[in-house]
Amino acid sequence: MRKFFMTLAALTIAVLTATAQNPQKGDYGYLYCHMSDKGQWTAFAVSRDGYHYEDILGGDPVMDPKEHARIEGGQRDAYICRAWNGKGYVMVTTDMNNAMTKTLNKLSDWDNYGIDLLTSKDLIHWESVSFDYRKGASIFSNPEAESVYKDWSTINRVWAPQIFWDPNYVWKNGDKGGYMIYYSMWNRTEEKYDRMYYSYADKTFTKLTQPKLLFDWGYATIDADINLLSDGKYHMLIKKEGGKPGIYTATSDHLTYGWGEPIEDDYVSFEGKKKCEGSSAFQLIGDNTWRVAYIQYSDRPKHYRICKADENLRNFHEPVDIEGVTAPQHGSFMRLTKKEYKRLLRLNDKK
């Protein structure tokens, strides 16, 4: 019997590592992990159907942002997924606090300098490392590599990181598999606008490689969300800050290169003249179509929306407001098992 379970465990790991996508597990409900619009912290909410949610801890912080965001004491744009082997969880956040502008002598409320990588075994207790990009190549695991900037000290944005498990990435020592962390950066002194970059984090989620340029379409782009679809292509939702602003889709046959120009005729005018960003795509349990969530930030009050899309992550339609969440903002979604769902709800009982 022991041999059977060992074999089953090996097969499970093999399946997880053979797929260039974040591991999926759980058929009971959903976790919405997000930045709170009430403040600079990460909040949780859970749902059985993906639309109607219950706040965890009333939308208050699920961790101390000052402890885990060591640069500015604020966590934004939380993205969560399962660890590469299905054991535990990983999260990335933008290390940023608008209230720290004067204290840090920032030129803009929207400047920031780094990101935070977090790990947990139970969704409740978290460990983290912070990467302050102003310190330059020395913070990365390959400081000898060619840098994308001449002067890291003038960087002014490191925004909205997300995670994509890549089993095919090979480290210098021959180890295989890494988390692709993709995000936008802007260094005012060396480039004209925000561009998308990527680094790789190791399996411990504590080391990060120097950034490389993911693509440059000639105008500012932020808030990318990448998924591997059944057609074998990588599909990306992304906000164009330049050109004709809006949320667009683009595809590639490769994860880190080959991203073609965005498709112009789908989704760009979806919400009319209202401004949207922070898109996050997820699938409902047992459904091969997609749901796409995003913040409609030009509204007062703001609206966090979820719309439908087909199996190809196209033809967006039927937008509705998320329900039951206090101050929803830029975030991500992860399927939950019953055990995980109940564990998070127990936090409300302790409050």
Protein backbone atom coordinates (compact mmCIF):
# COMPACT_ATOMS: atom_id res chain seq x y z
CA MET A 1 0.00 0.00 0.00
CA ARG A 2 2.83 2.40 0.86
CA LYS A 3 4.45 1.73 -2.51
CA PHE A 4 1.12 2.49 -4.23
CA PHE A 5 0.81 5.89 -2.55
CA MET A 6 4.44 6.75 -3.29
CA THR A 7 3.85 5.94 -6.95
CA LEU A 8 0.65 7.97 -6.98
CA ALA A 9 2.46 10.95 -5.42
CA ALA A 10 5.23 10.73 -8.01
CA LEU A 11 2.70 10.64 -10.83
CA THR A 12 0.88 13.66 -9.37
CA ILE A 13 4.08 15.69 -9.24
CA ALA A 14 4.95 14.60 -12.78
CA VAL A 15 1.59 15.80 -14.07
CA LEU A 16 1.91 19.12 -12.27
CA THR A 17 5.42 19.79 -13.53
CA ALA A 18 4.66 18.73 -17.10
CA THR A 19 2.14 21.53 -17.53
CA ALA A 20 3.34 25.08 -18.15
CA GLN A 21 0.66 26.62 -16.00
CA ASN A 22 -0.05 27.22 -12.33
CA PRO A 23 -1.36 24.03 -10.66
CA GLN A 24 -5.15 23.92 -10.24
CA LYS A 25 -6.88 22.10 -7.40
CA GLY A 26 -10.20 22.29 -5.59
CA ASP A 27 -13.83 21.82 -6.57
CA TYR A 28 -15.58 23.49 -3.62
CA GLY A 29 -15.16 27.25 -4.02
CA TYR A 30 -13.00 30.23 -4.85
CA LEU A 31 -10.61 32.58 -3.12
CA TYR A 32 -10.50 36.20 -4.21
CA CYS A 33 -7.15 37.58 -3.02
CA HIS A 34 -6.99 41.32 -3.54
CA MET A 35 -5.70 44.70 -2.61
CA SER A 36 -8.23 46.49 -0.42
CA ASP A 37 -9.49 49.80 -1.74
CA LYS A 38 -9.77 50.88 1.91
CA GLY A 39 -6.01 50.84 2.37
CA GLN A 40 -2.66 49.43 1.34
CA TRP A 41 -3.18 45.80 2.38
CA THR A 42 -4.08 42.34 1.11
CA ALA A 43 -7.58 41.02 1.83
CA PHE A 44 -9.36 37.70 1.22
CA ALA A 45 -12.93 36.79 0.30
CA VAL A 46 -14.39 33.35 -0.46
CA SER A 47 -17.23 32.21 -2.70
CA ARG A 48 -19.01 29.02 -3.71
CA ASP A 49 -20.07 30.25 -7.17
CA GLY A 50 -17.37 32.76 -8.19
CA TYR A 51 -19.71 35.76 -8.08
CA HIS A 52 -21.06 36.08 -4.53
CA TYR A 53 -18.40 36.38 -1.84
CA GLU A 54 -17.95 36.57 1.91
CA ASP A 55 -15.16 38.71 3.32
CA ILE A 56 -12.54 37.11 5.52
CA LEU A 57 -11.91 39.26 8.60
CA GLY A 58 -14.35 41.82 7.26
CA GLY A 59 -11.97 42.83 4.49
CA ASP A 60 -9.25 43.77 6.96
CA PRO A 61 -5.62 42.68 6.36
CA VAL A 62 -4.95 38.94 6.35
CA MET A 63 -1.31 39.76 7.14
CA ASP A 64 0.62 42.74 8.45
CA PRO A 65 1.66 44.81 5.41
CA LYS A 66 4.42 46.54 7.39
CA GLU A 67 5.97 43.16 8.13
CA HIS A 68 5.87 41.85 4.58
CA ALA A 69 6.24 45.02 2.48
CA ARG A 70 9.60 46.16 3.82
CA ILE A 71 10.14 49.03 1.38
CA GLU A 72 6.99 51.12 1.84
CA GLY A 73 4.79 49.14 4.22
CA GLY A 74 1.98 48.71 1.71
CA GLN A 75 0.81 45.74 -0.38
CA ARG A 76 -1.05 46.21 -3.65
CA ASP A 77 -2.17 44.06 -6.61
CA ALA A 78 -2.00 40.71 -4.78
CA TYR A 79 -1.65 37.64 -7.02
CA ILE A 80 -1.90 34.16 -5.48
CA CYS A 81 -1.56 30.61 -6.81
CA ARG A 82 -0.55 27.15 -5.66
CA ALA A 83 3.08 26.20 -5.31
CA TRP A 84 4.67 24.30 -8.19
CA ASN A 85 4.24 20.89 -6.51
CA GLY A 86 0.75 21.55 -5.17
CA LYS A 87 2.05 21.84 -1.61
CA GLY A 88 1.52 25.30 -0.24
CA TYR A 89 0.92 28.67 -1.86
CA VAL A 90 2.88 31.55 -3.35
CA MET A 91 1.91 35.21 -3.66
CA VAL A 92 3.39 38.37 -5.16
CA THR A 93 2.47 41.95 -4.32
CA THR A 94 3.48 45.43 -5.40
CA ASP A 95 5.41 46.99 -2.51
CA MET A 96 3.81 50.43 -2.51
CA ASN A 97 2.12 52.86 -0.16
CA ASN A 98 0.66 56.12 -1.49
CA ALA A 99 0.78 57.58 2.02
CA MET A 100 4.59 57.34 1.99
CA THR A 101 5.16 59.81 -0.86
CA LYS A 102 6.59 62.64 1.26
CA THR A 103 8.43 60.36 3.67
CA LEU A 104 10.23 58.59 0.82
CA ASN A 105 10.65 61.78 -1.26
CA LYS A 106 8.85 60.20 -4.19
CA LEU A 107 8.16 62.36 -7.22
CA SER A 108 4.68 60.89 -7.56
CA ASP A 109 2.11 59.10 -5.41
CA TRP A 110 2.25 56.36 -8.03
CA ASP A 111 5.98 55.74 -7.83
CA ASN A 112 7.34 52.64 -6.13
CA TYR A 113 10.55 50.66 -6.05
CA GLY A 114 9.98 46.93 -5.70
CA ILE A 115 7.90 43.82 -5.11
CA ASP A 116 7.33 41.22 -2.38
CA LEU A 117 7.43 37.42 -2.76
CA LEU A 118 5.46 35.45 -0.16
CA THR A 119 5.00 31.78 0.71
CA SER A 120 2.55 29.93 2.96
CA LYS A 121 1.73 26.36 3.91
CA ASP A 122 -1.81 27.07 5.09
CA LEU A 123 -3.02 30.40 3.57
CA ILE A 124 -2.90 31.96 7.03
CA HIS A 125 0.76 32.20 8.08
CA TRP A 126 3.08 33.88 5.56
CA GLU A 127 6.82 34.32 5.08
CA SER A 128 8.26 36.83 2.64
CA VAL A 129 11.20 38.52 0.98
CA SER A 130 11.22 42.04 -0.46
CA PHE A 131 13.18 43.17 -3.49
CA ASP A 132 14.13 46.85 -3.61
CA TYR A 133 15.14 47.39 -7.23
CA ARG A 134 16.90 50.67 -6.45
CA LYS A 135 19.74 48.58 -4.97
CA GLY A 136 20.56 47.26 -8.42
CA ALA A 137 21.93 43.97 -9.70
CA SER A 138 23.16 42.82 -6.29
CA ILE A 139 19.64 41.86 -5.15
CA PHE A 140 19.28 39.30 -7.94
CA SER A 141 20.57 35.73 -8.09
CA ASN A 142 22.58 36.48 -11.25
CA PRO A 143 24.19 39.90 -10.61
CA GLU A 144 26.78 39.23 -13.30
CA ALA A 145 24.14 39.14 -16.05
CA GLU A 146 23.59 42.08 -18.38
CA SER A 147 21.23 44.60 -16.76
CA VAL A 148 18.31 46.26 -18.50
CA TYR A 149 19.21 49.57 -16.80
CA LYS A 150 22.46 51.47 -16.43
CA ASP A 151 21.31 53.10 -13.19
CA TRP A 152 18.87 51.16 -11.02
CA SER A 153 18.69 53.92 -8.40
CA THR A 154 16.41 56.01 -10.63
CA ILE A 155 13.74 53.33 -11.14
CA ASN A 156 10.31 54.71 -10.33
CA ARG A 157 7.84 51.88 -10.97
CA VAL A 158 7.74 48.13 -10.39
CA TRP A 159 4.08 47.28 -10.78
CA ALA A 160 1.55 44.46 -10.59
CA PRO A 161 3.68 41.28 -10.55
CA GLN A 162 2.07 37.95 -11.43
CA ILE A 163 3.20 34.32 -11.42
CA PHE A 164 3.41 31.61 -14.05
CA TRP A 165 4.99 28.25 -13.25
CA ASP A 166 7.41 27.24 -16.01
CA PRO A 167 8.63 23.63 -15.69
CA ASN A 168 10.99 24.10 -18.63
CA TYR A 169 13.14 26.86 -17.19
CA VAL A 170 16.71 25.67 -16.50
CA TRP A 171 18.94 27.26 -13.87
CA LYS A 172 22.71 27.53 -14.21
CA ASN A 173 23.27 24.58 -11.88
CA GLY A 174 21.03 22.39 -14.05
CA ASP A 175 17.95 22.51 -11.81
CA LYS A 176 14.77 22.62 -13.84
CA GLY A 177 11.62 24.62 -13.18
CA GLY A 178 11.00 28.17 -12.03
CA TYR A 179 8.30 30.71 -11.42
CA MET A 180 8.15 33.31 -14.16
CA ILE A 181 7.34 36.61 -12.42
CA TYR A 182 6.12 39.16 -14.94
CA TYR A 183 5.47 42.83 -14.19
CA SER A 184 5.80 46.34 -15.58
CA MET A 185 8.72 48.67 -14.86
CA TRP A 186 9.56 52.25 -15.65
CA ASN A 187 12.84 54.10 -15.19
CA ARG A 188 12.19 57.73 -16.15
CA THR A 189 15.81 58.49 -16.91
CA GLU A 190 16.25 55.57 -19.33
CA GLU A 191 12.88 54.83 -20.96
CA LYS A 192 9.82 56.79 -22.03
CA TYR A 193 7.04 54.61 -20.59
CA ASP A 194 6.08 51.50 -18.61
CA ARG A 195 7.15 48.26 -20.29
CA MET A 196 6.58 44.61 -19.43
CA TYR A 197 9.51 42.63 -18.00
CA TYR A 198 9.98 39.21 -16.45
CA SER A 199 12.25 37.50 -13.93
CA TYR A 200 12.40 33.94 -12.63
CA ALA A 201 12.01 32.92 -8.99
CA ASP A 202 13.36 29.62 -7.72
CA LYS A 203 11.27 26.86 -6.14
CA THR A 204 11.85 28.30 -2.66
CA PHE A 205 10.36 31.57 -3.93
CA THR A 206 13.16 33.56 -2.31
CA LYS A 207 15.56 34.19 -5.21
CA LEU A 208 14.92 36.28 -8.31
CA THR A 209 16.81 36.67 -11.58
CA GLN A 210 17.55 39.98 -13.26
CA PRO A 211 14.64 41.27 -15.33
CA LYS A 212 14.44 40.80 -19.08
CA LEU A 213 12.17 42.67 -21.47
CA LEU A 214 9.04 40.67 -22.30
CA PHE A 215 7.93 42.92 -25.18
CA ASP A 216 7.74 46.57 -26.23
CA TRP A 217 4.90 47.67 -28.49
CA GLY A 218 5.95 51.31 -28.53
CA TYR A 219 3.61 52.57 -25.81
CA ALA A 220 2.99 52.05 -22.10
CA THR A 221 1.54 48.71 -20.96
CA ILE A 222 0.70 47.48 -17.44
CA ASP A 223 -1.34 44.82 -15.60
CA ALA A 224 -0.67 41.72 -17.68
CA ASP A 225 -2.47 38.43 -16.96
CA ILE A 226 -1.22 35.31 -18.80
CA ASN A 227 -2.98 31.94 -19.16
CA LEU A 228 -2.30 28.83 -21.22
CA LEU A 229 -5.39 27.81 -23.18
CA SER A 230 -6.48 24.56 -24.78
CA ASP A 231 -5.27 25.79 -28.18
CA GLY A 232 -1.70 25.47 -26.88
CA LYS A 233 -1.11 29.22 -27.02
CA TYR A 234 -0.42 31.66 -24.22
CA HIS A 235 -3.15 34.28 -23.98
CA MET A 236 -2.54 37.60 -22.24
CA LEU A 237 -4.95 40.24 -21.03
CA ILE A 238 -3.17 43.59 -20.71
CA LYS A 239 -3.95 47.24 -20.18
CA LYS A 240 -2.68 49.65 -22.83
CA GLU A 241 -1.85 52.96 -21.21
CA GLY A 242 -0.60 54.34 -24.53
CA GLY A 243 -2.15 54.18 -27.97
CA LYS A 244 -5.91 53.73 -27.61
CA PRO A 245 -6.26 52.94 -23.88
CA GLY A 246 -8.14 49.87 -22.72
CA ILE A 247 -7.80 46.19 -21.82
CA TYR A 248 -6.70 44.09 -24.79
CA THR A 249 -5.78 40.49 -25.57
CA ALA A 250 -2.58 39.20 -27.18
CA THR A 251 -1.21 35.70 -27.86
CA SER A 252 2.10 33.92 -28.24
CA ASP A 253 3.38 30.41 -28.92
CA HIS A 254 6.07 31.04 -26.31
CA LEU A 255 5.88 32.25 -22.74
CA THR A 256 8.76 34.74 -22.72
CA TYR A 257 8.82 35.97 -26.32
CA GLY A 258 6.82 36.17 -29.53
CA TRP A 259 3.97 38.31 -28.17
CA GLY A 260 2.16 39.75 -31.17
CA GLU A 261 0.34 43.06 -31.28
CA PRO A 262 -2.93 43.14 -29.29
CA ILE A 263 -6.19 42.23 -30.98
CA GLU A 264 -7.89 45.55 -31.67
CA ASP A 265 -11.50 44.51 -32.21
CA ASP A 266 -12.33 42.73 -28.95
CA TYR A 267 -12.83 44.17 -25.46
CA VAL A 268 -11.19 47.56 -26.03
CA SER A 269 -14.58 49.33 -26.03
CA PHE A 270 -16.25 46.82 -23.73
CA GLU A 271 -17.23 49.28 -21.00
CA GLY A 272 -17.60 52.27 -23.29
CA LYS A 273 -15.55 55.24 -22.14
CA LYS A 274 -15.12 53.93 -18.61
CA LYS A 275 -11.54 53.24 -17.52
CA CYS A 276 -10.68 49.66 -16.52
CA GLU A 277 -7.52 47.85 -15.41
CA GLY A 278 -6.21 45.01 -13.27
CA SER A 279 -7.79 42.15 -15.26
CA SER A 280 -7.69 38.61 -13.86
CA ALA A 281 -9.02 35.57 -15.75
CA PHE A 282 -10.24 32.39 -14.09
CA GLN A 283 -12.43 29.40 -14.92
CA LEU A 284 -15.42 28.19 -12.97
CA ILE A 285 -15.30 24.61 -11.73
CA GLY A 286 -16.36 22.23 -14.50
CA ASP A 287 -16.57 25.00 -17.13
CA ASN A 288 -14.14 25.43 -20.04
CA THR A 289 -15.17 29.05 -20.66
CA TRP A 290 -13.63 31.96 -18.75
CA ARG A 291 -14.55 34.70 -16.33
CA VAL A 292 -12.59 37.95 -16.43
CA ALA A 293 -12.55 40.31 -13.45
CA TYR A 294 -11.31 43.90 -13.49
CA ILE A 295 -11.62 47.20 -11.67
CA GLN A 296 -13.65 49.95 -13.32
CA TYR A 297 -11.74 52.72 -11.61
CA SER A 298 -13.23 55.79 -13.32
CA ASP A 299 -16.58 55.23 -11.59
CA ARG A 300 -17.40 56.93 -8.30
CA PRO A 301 -17.81 54.72 -6.42
CA LYS A 302 -15.56 52.26 -8.25
CA HIS A 303 -17.04 49.05 -9.60
CA TYR A 304 -15.28 45.69 -9.59
CA ARG A 305 -16.69 43.73 -12.52
CA ILE A 306 -16.78 40.10 -13.65
CA CYS A 307 -17.69 39.30 -17.25
CA LYS A 308 -17.94 36.13 -19.32
CA ALA A 309 -15.59 35.07 -22.13
CA ASP A 310 -15.53 32.02 -24.38
CA GLU A 311 -13.09 29.09 -24.21
CA ASN A 312 -10.58 31.11 -26.26
CA LEU A 313 -10.68 34.04 -23.85
CA ARG A 314 -12.50 36.16 -26.42
CA ASN A 315 -16.01 37.55 -26.98
CA PHE A 316 -16.39 39.27 -23.62
CA HIS A 317 -19.97 39.81 -22.51
CA GLU A 318 -22.48 40.04 -19.63
CA PRO A 319 -20.52 42.12 -17.09
CA VAL A 320 -21.87 42.22 -13.52
CA ASP A 321 -20.56 43.62 -10.24
CA ILE A 322 -18.88 41.32 -7.77
CA GLU A 323 -21.04 40.90 -4.66
CA GLY A 324 -20.27 40.70 -0.96
CA VAL A 325 -16.72 42.09 -1.01
CA THR A 326 -15.73 45.16 0.99
CA ALA A 327 -13.63 47.53 -1.15
CA PRO A 328 -12.64 45.12 -3.96
CA GLN A 329 -9.64 46.11 -6.08
CA HIS A 330 -6.90 44.61 -8.25
CA GLY A 331 -6.44 40.96 -7.30
CA SER A 332 -6.60 37.33 -8.40
CA PHE A 333 -8.67 34.16 -8.04
CA MET A 334 -7.81 30.62 -6.96
CA ARG A 335 -10.00 27.52 -6.64
CA LEU A 336 -10.34 26.04 -3.16
CA THR A 337 -10.91 22.63 -1.64
CA LYS A 338 -13.57 22.27 1.05
CA LYS A 339 -10.88 21.99 3.71
CA GLU A 340 -9.23 25.23 2.58
CA TYR A 341 -12.57 27.02 2.36
CA LYS A 342 -13.58 26.04 5.89
CA ARG A 343 -10.15 26.92 7.25
CA LEU A 344 -10.45 30.48 5.96
CA LEU A 345 -13.99 30.86 7.28
CA ARG A 346 -12.78 29.87 10.74
CA LEU A 347 -10.76 33.08 10.79
CA ASN A 348 -14.06 34.98 10.91
CA ASP A 349 -15.11 33.02 13.98
CA LYS A 350 -11.96 34.12 15.78
CA LYS A 351 -12.37 37.78 14.99
